[in-house]
N, C-alpha and C. Protein backbone atom coordinates (compact mmCIF):
# COMPACT_ATOMS: atom_id res chain seq x y z
N MET A 1 42.63 77.36 146.91
CA MET A 1 43.89 77.95 146.47
C MET A 1 43.73 78.50 145.06
N SER A 2 44.17 79.72 144.83
CA SER A 2 44.00 80.35 143.52
C SER A 2 45.09 79.89 142.56
N SER A 3 44.72 79.86 141.30
CA SER A 3 45.69 79.46 140.29
C SER A 3 46.61 80.63 139.98
N LYS A 4 47.69 80.35 139.26
CA LYS A 4 48.66 81.39 138.90
C LYS A 4 47.99 82.46 138.05
N ASN A 5 47.12 82.06 137.12
CA ASN A 5 46.43 82.99 136.25
C ASN A 5 45.50 83.91 137.05
N GLU A 6 44.77 83.35 138.01
CA GLU A 6 43.88 84.16 138.84
C GLU A 6 44.68 85.17 139.66
N ASN A 7 45.83 84.74 140.17
CA ASN A 7 46.69 85.63 140.94
C ASN A 7 47.20 86.77 140.06
N ALA A 8 47.58 86.46 138.83
CA ALA A 8 48.07 87.49 137.92
C ALA A 8 46.96 88.49 137.61
N GLN A 9 45.73 88.01 137.42
CA GLN A 9 44.61 88.92 137.15
C GLN A 9 44.35 89.81 138.37
N ARG A 10 44.43 89.25 139.57
CA ARG A 10 44.21 90.03 140.77
C ARG A 10 45.29 91.10 140.89
N VAL A 11 46.52 90.72 140.63
CA VAL A 11 47.63 91.68 140.70
C VAL A 11 47.45 92.76 139.66
N ASP A 12 47.06 92.39 138.42
CA ASP A 12 46.90 93.37 137.36
C ASP A 12 45.89 94.44 137.73
N LYS A 13 44.81 94.07 138.40
CA LYS A 13 43.80 95.05 138.79
C LYS A 13 44.37 96.06 139.77
N ASN A 14 45.33 95.67 140.56
CA ASN A 14 45.94 96.59 141.53
C ASN A 14 46.80 97.65 140.86
N TYR A 15 47.26 97.45 139.62
CA TYR A 15 48.11 98.42 138.96
C TYR A 15 47.38 99.72 138.66
N PHE A 16 46.06 99.65 138.55
CA PHE A 16 45.29 100.86 138.29
C PHE A 16 45.42 101.86 139.43
N PHE A 17 45.73 101.37 140.61
CA PHE A 17 45.79 102.22 141.79
C PHE A 17 47.21 102.56 142.21
N LYS A 18 48.19 102.10 141.46
CA LYS A 18 49.58 102.33 141.81
C LYS A 18 50.13 103.51 141.01
N THR A 19 51.03 104.24 141.64
CA THR A 19 51.69 105.36 140.98
C THR A 19 53.14 104.97 140.68
N GLU A 20 53.83 105.83 139.97
CA GLU A 20 55.23 105.57 139.61
C GLU A 20 56.11 105.34 140.84
N SER A 21 55.75 105.95 141.97
CA SER A 21 56.59 105.83 143.16
C SER A 21 56.20 104.64 144.04
N ASP A 22 55.18 103.88 143.66
CA ASP A 22 54.78 102.71 144.44
C ASP A 22 55.71 101.54 144.16
N TYR A 23 55.78 100.65 145.13
CA TYR A 23 56.65 99.48 145.03
C TYR A 23 55.84 98.24 144.74
N LEU A 24 56.45 97.33 143.97
CA LEU A 24 55.84 96.03 143.66
C LEU A 24 56.65 94.94 144.33
N SER A 25 55.96 93.94 144.83
CA SER A 25 56.66 92.76 145.35
C SER A 25 57.23 91.99 144.17
N ILE A 26 58.03 90.99 144.48
CA ILE A 26 58.61 90.18 143.40
C ILE A 26 57.51 89.45 142.63
N SER A 27 56.50 88.95 143.33
CA SER A 27 55.41 88.25 142.63
C SER A 27 54.61 89.22 141.76
N GLU A 28 54.38 90.45 142.24
CA GLU A 28 53.69 91.44 141.42
C GLU A 28 54.53 91.84 140.21
N THR A 29 55.84 91.97 140.42
CA THR A 29 56.74 92.31 139.32
C THR A 29 56.74 91.21 138.27
N ALA A 30 56.76 89.97 138.73
CA ALA A 30 56.73 88.82 137.81
C ALA A 30 55.44 88.82 137.00
N ALA A 31 54.31 89.06 137.65
CA ALA A 31 53.03 89.10 136.95
C ALA A 31 52.99 90.26 135.97
N TYR A 32 53.53 91.39 136.35
CA TYR A 32 53.55 92.58 135.50
C TYR A 32 54.36 92.32 134.22
N LEU A 33 55.51 91.65 134.38
CA LEU A 33 56.38 91.36 133.23
C LEU A 33 55.99 90.09 132.49
N GLY A 34 55.18 89.25 133.14
CA GLY A 34 54.80 87.98 132.52
C GLY A 34 55.92 86.95 132.54
N ILE A 35 56.78 87.04 133.56
CA ILE A 35 57.88 86.08 133.72
C ILE A 35 57.81 85.48 135.12
N SER A 36 58.67 84.52 135.39
CA SER A 36 58.69 83.88 136.71
C SER A 36 59.38 84.77 137.74
N GLU A 37 59.16 84.46 139.00
CA GLU A 37 59.82 85.20 140.08
C GLU A 37 61.34 85.03 139.99
N SER A 38 61.78 83.82 139.62
CA SER A 38 63.23 83.62 139.49
C SER A 38 63.78 84.44 138.32
N GLY A 39 62.96 84.64 137.29
CA GLY A 39 63.38 85.49 136.17
C GLY A 39 63.54 86.94 136.60
N VAL A 40 62.64 87.41 137.48
CA VAL A 40 62.75 88.77 138.02
C VAL A 40 64.02 88.90 138.83
N LYS A 41 64.28 87.92 139.70
CA LYS A 41 65.49 87.97 140.53
C LYS A 41 66.76 87.94 139.68
N GLN A 42 66.71 87.19 138.58
CA GLN A 42 67.86 87.13 137.69
C GLN A 42 68.10 88.50 137.04
N LYS A 43 67.03 89.15 136.61
CA LYS A 43 67.17 90.48 136.01
C LYS A 43 67.70 91.49 137.02
N ILE A 44 67.28 91.37 138.27
CA ILE A 44 67.79 92.25 139.32
C ILE A 44 69.28 92.02 139.51
N ARG A 45 69.71 90.75 139.56
CA ARG A 45 71.14 90.44 139.72
C ARG A 45 71.95 90.98 138.54
N GLN A 46 71.35 90.97 137.33
CA GLN A 46 72.03 91.47 136.14
C GLN A 46 72.06 93.00 136.09
N GLY A 47 71.32 93.63 137.00
CA GLY A 47 71.30 95.08 137.05
C GLY A 47 70.34 95.72 136.06
N ALA A 48 69.35 94.96 135.59
CA ALA A 48 68.40 95.50 134.62
C ALA A 48 67.60 96.66 135.21
N PHE A 49 67.21 96.53 136.46
CA PHE A 49 66.50 97.60 137.16
C PHE A 49 66.81 97.48 138.64
N PRO A 50 66.75 98.59 139.37
CA PRO A 50 67.10 98.56 140.79
C PRO A 50 66.02 97.88 141.62
N SER A 51 66.45 97.35 142.75
CA SER A 51 65.51 96.75 143.70
C SER A 51 65.79 97.33 145.08
N TYR A 52 64.83 97.16 145.95
CA TYR A 52 64.93 97.70 147.29
C TYR A 52 64.68 96.57 148.28
N LYS A 53 65.59 96.39 149.23
CA LYS A 53 65.52 95.28 150.17
C LYS A 53 65.53 95.82 151.59
N PRO A 54 64.33 96.11 152.14
CA PRO A 54 64.28 96.68 153.49
C PRO A 54 64.64 95.69 154.59
N SER A 55 64.52 94.39 154.31
CA SER A 55 64.93 93.38 155.27
C SER A 55 65.45 92.17 154.50
N SER A 56 65.95 91.20 155.21
CA SER A 56 66.57 90.05 154.54
C SER A 56 65.58 89.22 153.72
N LYS A 57 64.30 89.30 154.02
CA LYS A 57 63.32 88.48 153.31
C LYS A 57 62.44 89.24 152.34
N LEU A 58 62.49 90.57 152.37
CA LEU A 58 61.63 91.36 151.51
C LEU A 58 62.44 92.00 150.38
N LEU A 59 61.86 92.01 149.18
CA LEU A 59 62.51 92.58 148.01
C LEU A 59 61.44 93.26 147.17
N TYR A 60 61.66 94.51 146.82
CA TYR A 60 60.68 95.27 146.07
C TYR A 60 61.30 95.94 144.86
N VAL A 61 60.46 96.26 143.88
CA VAL A 61 60.87 97.00 142.70
C VAL A 61 59.92 98.19 142.57
N LYS A 62 60.46 99.36 142.29
CA LYS A 62 59.62 100.54 142.12
C LYS A 62 58.99 100.50 140.73
N LEU A 63 57.68 100.72 140.68
CA LEU A 63 56.95 100.64 139.42
C LEU A 63 57.52 101.60 138.37
N GLY A 64 57.89 102.79 138.77
CA GLY A 64 58.46 103.75 137.83
C GLY A 64 59.76 103.26 137.21
N ASP A 65 60.62 102.63 138.03
CA ASP A 65 61.87 102.06 137.52
C ASP A 65 61.59 100.96 136.51
N LEU A 66 60.59 100.16 136.81
CA LEU A 66 60.23 99.05 135.93
C LEU A 66 59.70 99.57 134.59
N LYS A 67 58.87 100.58 134.62
CA LYS A 67 58.33 101.16 133.38
C LYS A 67 59.44 101.77 132.54
N ARG A 68 60.37 102.47 133.18
CA ARG A 68 61.50 103.06 132.44
C ARG A 68 62.35 101.98 131.80
N TRP A 69 62.57 100.86 132.50
CA TRP A 69 63.36 99.76 131.94
C TRP A 69 62.64 99.18 130.73
N ILE A 70 61.33 99.00 130.83
CA ILE A 70 60.58 98.44 129.70
C ILE A 70 60.68 99.37 128.49
N GLU A 71 60.52 100.67 128.72
CA GLU A 71 60.60 101.63 127.62
C GLU A 71 61.99 101.67 127.00
N SER A 72 63.02 101.43 127.77
CA SER A 72 64.38 101.46 127.24
C SER A 72 64.69 100.23 126.39
N CYS A 73 63.88 99.20 126.52
CA CYS A 73 64.11 97.96 125.79
C CYS A 73 63.38 97.89 124.45
N CYS A 74 62.59 98.91 124.14
CA CYS A 74 61.79 98.84 122.91
C CYS A 74 62.70 98.91 121.69
N SER A 75 62.28 98.23 120.66
CA SER A 75 63.06 98.26 119.42
C SER A 75 62.55 99.40 118.55
N GLU A 76 63.38 99.82 117.65
CA GLU A 76 63.02 100.92 116.76
C GLU A 76 61.94 100.47 115.79
N SER A 77 61.06 101.37 115.44
CA SER A 77 60.01 101.05 114.48
C SER A 77 60.63 100.92 113.10
N ALA A 78 59.98 100.17 112.25
CA ALA A 78 60.48 99.99 110.89
C ALA A 78 60.52 101.32 110.15
N GLU A 79 59.53 102.18 110.42
CA GLU A 79 59.49 103.49 109.77
C GLU A 79 60.69 104.34 110.17
N LYS A 80 61.01 104.35 111.45
CA LYS A 80 62.14 105.14 111.92
C LYS A 80 63.45 104.60 111.35
N LEU A 81 63.60 103.28 111.32
CA LEU A 81 64.81 102.68 110.76
C LEU A 81 64.93 103.00 109.27
N SER A 82 63.80 103.01 108.57
CA SER A 82 63.81 103.33 107.15
C SER A 82 64.25 104.78 106.92
N ARG A 83 63.75 105.71 107.76
CA ARG A 83 64.16 107.12 107.64
C ARG A 83 65.65 107.27 107.90
N GLU A 84 66.15 106.58 108.93
CA GLU A 84 67.57 106.67 109.24
C GLU A 84 68.42 106.10 108.11
N ALA A 85 67.94 105.01 107.48
CA ALA A 85 68.67 104.42 106.35
C ALA A 85 68.69 105.39 105.17
N ASP A 86 67.56 106.05 104.91
CA ASP A 86 67.50 107.03 103.82
C ASP A 86 68.48 108.18 104.06
N ILE A 87 68.54 108.68 105.28
CA ILE A 87 69.46 109.77 105.63
C ILE A 87 70.90 109.32 105.43
N TYR A 88 71.21 108.11 105.86
CA TYR A 88 72.56 107.57 105.70
C TYR A 88 72.94 107.49 104.23
N LEU A 89 72.02 106.98 103.40
CA LEU A 89 72.30 106.85 101.98
C LEU A 89 72.46 108.21 101.30
N MET A 90 71.64 109.18 101.69
CA MET A 90 71.76 110.53 101.12
C MET A 90 73.10 111.15 101.49
N LYS A 91 73.53 110.96 102.73
CA LYS A 91 74.82 111.50 103.16
C LYS A 91 75.96 110.83 102.40
N ALA A 92 75.85 109.53 102.22
CA ALA A 92 76.90 108.80 101.49
C ALA A 92 76.97 109.29 100.04
N LYS A 93 75.80 109.49 99.42
CA LYS A 93 75.77 109.97 98.04
C LYS A 93 76.35 111.38 97.96
N PHE A 94 75.99 112.24 98.91
CA PHE A 94 76.48 113.62 98.94
C PHE A 94 78.01 113.62 99.08
N ASN A 95 78.53 112.79 100.00
CA ASN A 95 79.97 112.73 100.19
C ASN A 95 80.70 112.22 98.95
N SER A 96 80.11 111.27 98.25
CA SER A 96 80.77 110.76 97.03
C SER A 96 80.75 111.81 95.93
N LEU A 97 79.65 112.59 95.81
CA LEU A 97 79.58 113.67 94.82
C LEU A 97 80.57 114.77 95.17
N LYS A 98 80.69 115.05 96.47
CA LYS A 98 81.59 116.09 96.95
C LYS A 98 83.05 115.73 96.64
N GLN A 99 83.40 114.46 96.81
CA GLN A 99 84.77 114.01 96.54
C GLN A 99 85.06 113.99 95.04
N ALA A 100 84.03 113.73 94.22
CA ALA A 100 84.22 113.68 92.78
C ALA A 100 84.42 115.07 92.19
N ALA A 101 83.92 116.08 92.88
CA ALA A 101 84.00 117.45 92.34
C ALA A 101 85.35 118.09 92.55
């Protein structure tokens, strides 16, 4: 019987051959995200990403949907936040000068 880590490594190798339109099983999705299968099911119930259920026992997630969800969860870089803060401060200073004139 293979360990959980060996199974995750086997699943990871299969991602090289999958396209955005390919489907992942719940166990493959869990390995891809590094969370438990129950965690994947919880995220599906919360509506984090769509799932496809062709029968009562099968549940799949499209790899492209999963990648888009991951990309939507990224946090802003410190550099981008710093630029936005600078722009905000410049606008505030401009508005205060404009009101004083």
